[in-house]
Amino acid sequence: MNIRTSLASASKPANPFQPDHGLLHVRRQLANGVCIFLTTLFAVAAATFLLYLVLYIARQGLRFLNVAFFTQAPKAAGELGGGVGPAIEGSLIMVGLAALIGIPLGMATGIYLAEYGRGFLASTVRFLVDTLTGIPTIIFGLFIWVLIVVPAHSFSGFAGGAALSIIMIPTVARATEEVLRLVPKELREASIALGATESRTILRVVVPAARAGIITGIMLAVARVAGETAPLLMTAFGTPFFSTNIFRPMDALPLRIFNSTLSPYDIDIQHAYAGSFVLILLVIVTSLSVRWATGGFKPRGR
């Protein structure tokens, strides 16, 4: 019986509609190879462009970097010397203010969306957060100009920090929501089973478990606002003098770079390149420091 069945199946003509598994395997391998090649090509192209940009700015501005450049105030247009001391000071103050305002609000929003985000209200909040992400940043500057600058009759570092904080909120909120959703629900159930309240579980178990991802999202938000110029034009305005009074006009690195590029003198253009390189260095050093502190350089699985 088995011999007859084998002979019958051998003499049976092949089904023309049945796929050729060998050809299908070749097609899959080819498609996989093409995808790997294209993704590698695009990644190398993006990294090459970024490296070229950093090296070009460094080549133009490195010769102007010295102690005086970091500690002195800028001089009049076209004059040799001077630095970006007030701009560095102002950037640190305003980004710090933005972090104090934006990080707690963004984290609270992200926790709400991840842990309690159900129904119409949560969908509305999520939609508004996504909308804020896509709004041009100059709109935030205009909003703070109407809300703070006009009633106070003065530009101020506080207004600049408030404008930057609004830019930070959606980035921190979305990052917090996404990483909290990755925390296994078993951790929540185990904590509640041991007698912890839901709020205590979130603050003591869930958030610490997602700490590295939350900090990464915060640093992305800080890196973004550190280079913003448009909102500060309508809020902080800028000043060539050292000032720690957050209720008076305050300078920032992006503002100083912008003003230097408008100058007709080559020395000011070179100072703009130097300031741009300093801004890039500040963002890179901060990102690497946070990555090292959160264990981002440790091999996976250890």
Protein backbone atom coordinates (compact mmCIF):
# COMPACT_ATOMS: atom_id res chain seq x y z
CA MET A 1 0.00 0.00 0.00
CA ASN A 2 2.82 2.39 0.83
CA ILE A 3 4.62 1.51 -2.42
CA ARG A 4 1.49 2.19 -4.49
CA THR A 5 0.95 5.52 -2.73
CA SER A 6 4.54 6.56 -3.34
CA LEU A 7 4.35 5.63 -7.03
CA ALA A 8 1.07 7.49 -7.42
CA SER A 9 2.45 10.64 -5.81
CA ALA A 10 5.62 10.42 -7.90
CA SER A 11 3.67 10.15 -11.14
CA LYS A 12 1.30 12.97 -10.17
CA PRO A 13 2.13 16.22 -12.01
CA ALA A 14 3.35 19.19 -9.93
CA ASN A 15 0.80 21.81 -8.95
CA PRO A 16 1.61 24.99 -10.92
CA PHE A 17 -0.04 27.13 -8.20
CA GLN A 18 2.14 25.73 -5.40
CA PRO A 19 4.99 28.18 -4.56
CA ASP A 20 8.57 27.13 -5.10
CA HIS A 21 10.07 27.17 -1.61
CA GLY A 22 13.62 27.47 -2.93
CA LEU A 23 12.76 30.54 -5.01
CA LEU A 24 10.80 32.04 -2.11
CA HIS A 25 13.82 31.62 0.18
CA VAL A 26 16.06 33.36 -2.35
CA ARG A 27 13.62 36.26 -2.63
CA ARG A 28 13.49 36.65 1.15
CA GLN A 29 17.25 36.61 1.43
CA LEU A 30 17.52 39.20 -1.34
CA ALA A 31 14.93 41.48 0.26
CA ASN A 32 16.64 41.12 3.63
CA GLY A 33 20.03 42.00 2.11
CA VAL A 34 18.63 45.04 0.32
CA CYS A 35 16.98 46.32 3.53
CA ILE A 36 20.17 45.84 5.55
CA PHE A 37 22.19 47.64 2.88
CA LEU A 38 19.79 50.59 2.67
CA THR A 39 19.46 51.05 6.44
CA THR A 40 23.24 50.86 6.86
CA LEU A 41 23.73 53.34 4.01
CA PHE A 42 21.26 55.84 5.47
CA ALA A 43 22.73 55.48 8.99
CA VAL A 44 26.26 56.09 7.68
CA ALA A 45 25.04 59.06 5.62
CA ALA A 46 23.35 60.64 8.65
CA ALA A 47 26.39 60.06 10.87
CA THR A 48 28.72 61.42 8.18
CA PHE A 49 26.66 64.58 7.78
CA LEU A 50 26.60 65.15 11.54
CA LEU A 51 30.34 64.52 11.85
CA TYR A 52 31.07 66.86 8.94
CA LEU A 53 28.92 69.60 10.50
CA VAL A 54 30.64 69.31 13.89
CA LEU A 55 34.13 69.23 12.35
CA TYR A 56 33.36 72.21 10.10
CA ILE A 57 32.10 74.30 13.01
CA ALA A 58 35.07 73.19 15.13
CA ARG A 59 37.55 74.15 12.40
CA GLN A 60 35.99 77.60 12.08
CA GLY A 61 35.66 78.36 15.78
CA LEU A 62 38.35 76.44 17.70
CA ARG A 63 41.01 79.10 17.23
CA PHE A 64 38.88 81.61 19.11
CA LEU A 65 38.35 79.41 22.15
CA ASN A 66 40.32 80.50 25.20
CA VAL A 67 39.67 81.32 28.83
CA ALA A 68 38.65 84.89 28.00
CA PHE A 69 36.06 83.66 25.50
CA PHE A 70 34.26 81.79 28.29
CA THR A 71 34.59 84.47 30.98
CA GLN A 72 34.41 87.88 29.27
CA ALA A 73 31.44 89.83 27.99
CA PRO A 74 31.14 90.53 24.26
CA LYS A 75 32.68 93.70 22.90
CA ALA A 76 31.28 96.13 20.38
CA ALA A 77 30.67 94.85 16.86
CA GLY A 78 33.89 94.47 14.89
CA GLU A 79 36.25 94.73 17.87
CA LEU A 80 38.75 92.00 18.65
CA GLY A 81 38.44 90.00 21.86
CA GLY A 82 35.46 89.56 24.07
CA GLY A 83 33.57 86.39 24.80
CA VAL A 84 30.25 84.75 25.52
CA GLY A 85 30.36 84.66 29.31
CA PRO A 86 26.95 86.32 29.81
CA ALA A 87 25.44 84.05 27.17
CA ILE A 88 26.69 80.88 28.86
CA GLU A 89 25.50 82.14 32.22
CA GLY A 90 22.08 83.07 30.85
CA SER A 91 21.67 79.76 29.02
CA LEU A 92 22.40 77.77 32.16
CA ILE A 93 19.96 79.85 34.21
CA MET A 94 17.10 79.74 31.70
CA VAL A 95 17.52 76.05 30.89
CA GLY A 96 17.60 75.39 34.63
CA LEU A 97 14.36 77.34 35.09
CA ALA A 98 12.80 75.46 32.19
CA ALA A 99 13.81 72.16 33.76
CA LEU A 100 12.36 73.12 37.14
CA ILE A 101 9.02 73.93 35.53
CA GLY A 102 8.83 71.54 32.59
CA ILE A 103 10.22 68.28 33.98
CA PRO A 104 7.71 67.86 36.88
CA LEU A 105 4.77 68.83 34.67
CA GLY A 106 5.92 66.58 31.83
CA MET A 107 6.54 63.61 34.12
CA ALA A 108 3.18 64.06 35.84
CA THR A 109 1.45 64.14 32.45
CA GLY A 110 3.31 61.05 31.28
CA ILE A 111 2.50 59.13 34.47
CA TYR A 112 -1.18 60.04 34.13
CA LEU A 113 -1.31 58.89 30.51
CA ALA A 114 0.53 55.63 31.22
CA GLU A 115 -1.17 54.64 34.47
CA TYR A 116 -4.60 56.25 34.33
CA GLY A 117 -4.92 57.15 30.65
CA ARG A 118 -8.31 55.73 29.80
CA GLY A 119 -11.36 57.31 28.21
CA PHE A 120 -12.10 60.60 26.54
CA LEU A 121 -10.11 62.82 28.91
CA ALA A 122 -6.90 60.84 28.42
CA SER A 123 -7.36 60.84 24.65
CA THR A 124 -7.81 64.60 24.74
CA VAL A 125 -4.68 65.11 26.84
CA ARG A 126 -2.67 62.83 24.55
CA PHE A 127 -3.93 64.72 21.50
CA LEU A 128 -2.98 68.07 23.05
CA VAL A 129 0.50 66.77 23.96
CA ASP A 130 1.04 65.60 20.38
CA THR A 131 -0.21 68.94 19.10
CA LEU A 132 2.23 70.85 21.32
CA THR A 133 5.07 68.78 19.90
CA GLY A 134 4.36 70.01 16.38
CA ILE A 135 3.67 73.69 17.11
CA PRO A 136 6.44 76.08 15.98
CA THR A 137 8.39 77.21 19.03
CA ILE A 138 8.00 80.89 18.20
CA ILE A 139 4.30 80.50 19.10
CA PHE A 140 5.34 79.62 22.64
CA GLY A 141 7.47 82.75 22.73
CA LEU A 142 4.50 84.82 21.57
CA PHE A 143 2.28 83.21 24.23
CA ILE A 144 4.73 84.01 27.05
CA TRP A 145 5.26 87.49 25.61
CA VAL A 146 1.52 88.16 25.99
CA LEU A 147 1.26 86.38 29.34
CA ILE A 148 4.39 87.66 31.14
CA VAL A 149 6.39 90.22 29.17
CA VAL A 150 3.56 92.62 28.34
CA PRO A 151 2.09 92.80 31.89
CA ALA A 152 5.59 93.17 33.39
CA HIS A 153 6.62 95.76 30.77
CA SER A 154 10.02 94.10 30.54
CA PHE A 155 11.78 91.19 28.91
CA SER A 156 13.23 88.75 31.43
CA GLY A 157 15.10 85.53 31.93
CA PHE A 158 12.08 84.15 33.77
CA ALA A 159 9.94 84.66 30.68
CA GLY A 160 12.58 82.90 28.59
CA GLY A 161 12.67 79.96 30.99
CA ALA A 162 8.86 79.75 30.97
CA ALA A 163 8.80 79.64 27.17
CA LEU A 164 11.44 76.89 27.11
CA SER A 165 9.55 74.90 29.74
CA ILE A 166 6.48 74.69 27.50
CA ILE A 167 8.69 73.20 24.78
CA MET A 168 10.01 70.61 27.24
CA ILE A 169 6.65 69.41 28.56
CA PRO A 170 5.42 67.36 25.54
CA THR A 171 8.81 65.73 24.97
CA VAL A 172 9.15 64.66 28.61
CA ALA A 173 5.50 63.57 28.77
CA ARG A 174 5.64 61.31 25.72
CA ALA A 175 8.98 59.79 26.72
CA THR A 176 7.72 59.11 30.25
CA GLU A 177 4.50 57.54 28.98
CA GLU A 178 6.28 55.22 26.55
CA VAL A 179 8.90 53.92 28.98
CA LEU A 180 6.35 53.42 31.78
CA ARG A 181 4.27 51.25 29.45
CA LEU A 182 7.30 48.98 29.04
CA VAL A 183 7.45 48.19 32.77
CA PRO A 184 5.98 44.69 33.32
CA LYS A 185 2.59 44.71 34.99
CA GLU A 186 3.77 41.93 37.31
CA LEU A 187 5.84 44.51 39.22
CA ARG A 188 2.73 46.57 39.86
CA GLU A 189 0.71 43.52 40.91
CA ALA A 190 3.45 42.30 43.24
CA SER A 191 3.74 45.69 44.94
CA ILE A 192 -0.01 46.01 45.42
CA ALA A 193 -0.18 42.42 46.69
CA LEU A 194 2.36 43.33 49.39
CA GLY A 195 0.06 46.09 50.64
CA ALA A 196 1.41 49.17 48.85
CA THR A 197 -1.05 51.75 47.59
CA GLU A 198 -1.29 52.48 43.87
CA SER A 199 0.39 55.86 44.19
CA ARG A 200 3.22 54.39 46.27
CA THR A 201 3.63 51.61 43.71
CA ILE A 202 3.98 54.12 40.91
CA LEU A 203 6.47 56.33 42.74
CA ARG A 204 8.54 53.61 44.43
CA VAL A 205 8.40 50.75 41.93
CA VAL A 206 7.26 51.74 38.44
CA VAL A 207 9.10 55.05 38.03
CA PRO A 208 12.45 53.73 39.38
CA ALA A 209 12.18 50.75 37.03
CA ALA A 210 11.89 53.14 34.07
CA ARG A 211 14.44 55.64 35.41
CA ALA A 212 16.98 55.29 32.59
CA GLY A 213 14.38 55.84 29.87
CA ILE A 214 12.83 58.81 31.66
CA ILE A 215 16.22 60.48 32.12
CA THR A 216 17.01 59.91 28.45
CA GLY A 217 13.76 61.65 27.49
CA ILE A 218 14.54 64.52 29.83
CA MET A 219 17.97 64.97 28.26
CA LEU A 220 16.43 65.00 24.79
CA ALA A 221 14.14 67.80 25.95
CA VAL A 222 17.04 69.73 27.54
CA ALA A 223 19.15 69.36 24.40
CA ARG A 224 16.28 70.66 22.31
CA VAL A 225 15.55 73.77 24.37
CA ALA A 226 19.26 74.58 24.83
CA GLY A 227 19.49 75.53 21.17
CA GLU A 228 16.18 77.39 20.81
CA THR A 229 16.41 80.98 19.61
CA ALA A 230 12.97 82.09 18.41
CA PRO A 231 11.16 81.97 21.80
CA LEU A 232 14.01 83.86 23.49
CA LEU A 233 13.85 86.71 20.98
CA MET A 234 10.39 87.58 22.33
CA THR A 235 11.02 86.82 26.00
CA ALA A 236 14.63 87.12 27.23
CA PHE A 237 15.66 89.50 24.41
CA GLY A 238 19.38 89.33 25.31
CA THR A 239 21.94 91.64 26.87
CA PRO A 240 25.73 91.99 26.51
CA PHE A 241 26.18 92.28 30.28
CA PHE A 242 26.43 89.69 33.04
CA SER A 243 23.14 89.38 34.88
CA THR A 244 21.71 86.86 37.32
CA ASN A 245 18.47 88.77 37.82
CA ILE A 246 15.88 86.53 36.20
CA PHE A 247 13.39 89.42 36.08
CA ARG A 248 15.58 91.47 33.75
CA PRO A 249 16.69 90.85 30.15
CA MET A 250 19.16 87.98 29.93
CA ASP A 251 21.51 86.69 27.25
CA ALA A 252 21.75 83.11 25.93
CA LEU A 253 24.11 81.28 23.62
CA PRO A 254 21.57 80.87 20.78
CA LEU A 255 20.74 84.58 21.01
CA ARG A 256 24.40 85.56 20.98
CA ILE A 257 25.07 83.31 17.98
CA PHE A 258 22.07 84.75 16.14
CA ASN A 259 23.09 88.35 16.79
CA SER A 260 26.69 87.64 15.75
CA THR A 261 25.62 86.16 12.42
CA LEU A 262 23.81 89.41 11.59
CA SER A 263 27.01 91.40 11.94
CA PRO A 264 28.88 92.49 8.77
CA TYR A 265 32.27 91.94 10.46
CA ASP A 266 34.19 88.71 9.97
CA ILE A 267 35.33 88.63 13.60
CA ASP A 268 31.73 88.44 14.78
CA ILE A 269 30.97 85.66 12.31
CA GLN A 270 33.93 83.70 13.68
CA HIS A 271 32.65 84.30 17.21
CA ALA A 272 29.32 82.83 16.06
CA TYR A 273 31.12 79.67 14.93
CA ALA A 274 32.96 79.50 18.26
CA GLY A 275 29.72 79.96 20.20
CA SER A 276 28.05 77.25 18.11
CA PHE A 277 30.87 74.85 18.90
CA VAL A 278 30.57 75.64 22.62
CA LEU A 279 26.82 74.98 22.47
CA ILE A 280 27.41 71.63 20.74
CA LEU A 281 30.02 70.70 23.34
CA LEU A 282 27.68 71.54 26.21
CA VAL A 283 24.94 69.31 24.77
CA ILE A 284 27.33 66.43 24.02
CA VAL A 285 29.03 66.55 27.43
CA THR A 286 25.70 66.70 29.24
CA SER A 287 24.27 63.79 27.24
CA LEU A 288 27.36 61.63 27.76
CA SER A 289 27.44 62.41 31.48
CA VAL A 290 23.81 61.41 31.96
CA ARG A 291 24.28 58.29 29.83
CA TRP A 292 27.27 57.28 31.96
CA ALA A 293 25.43 58.02 35.22
CA THR A 294 22.44 55.89 34.19
CA GLY A 295 24.61 52.97 33.09
CA GLY A 296 24.00 53.46 29.40
CA PHE A 297 27.55 52.42 28.48
CA LYS A 298 27.36 49.06 30.29
CA PRO A 299 27.03 45.97 28.06
CA ARG A 300 23.52 44.59 27.92
CA GLY A 301 22.79 41.58 30.03
CA ARG A 302 25.07 42.62 32.93
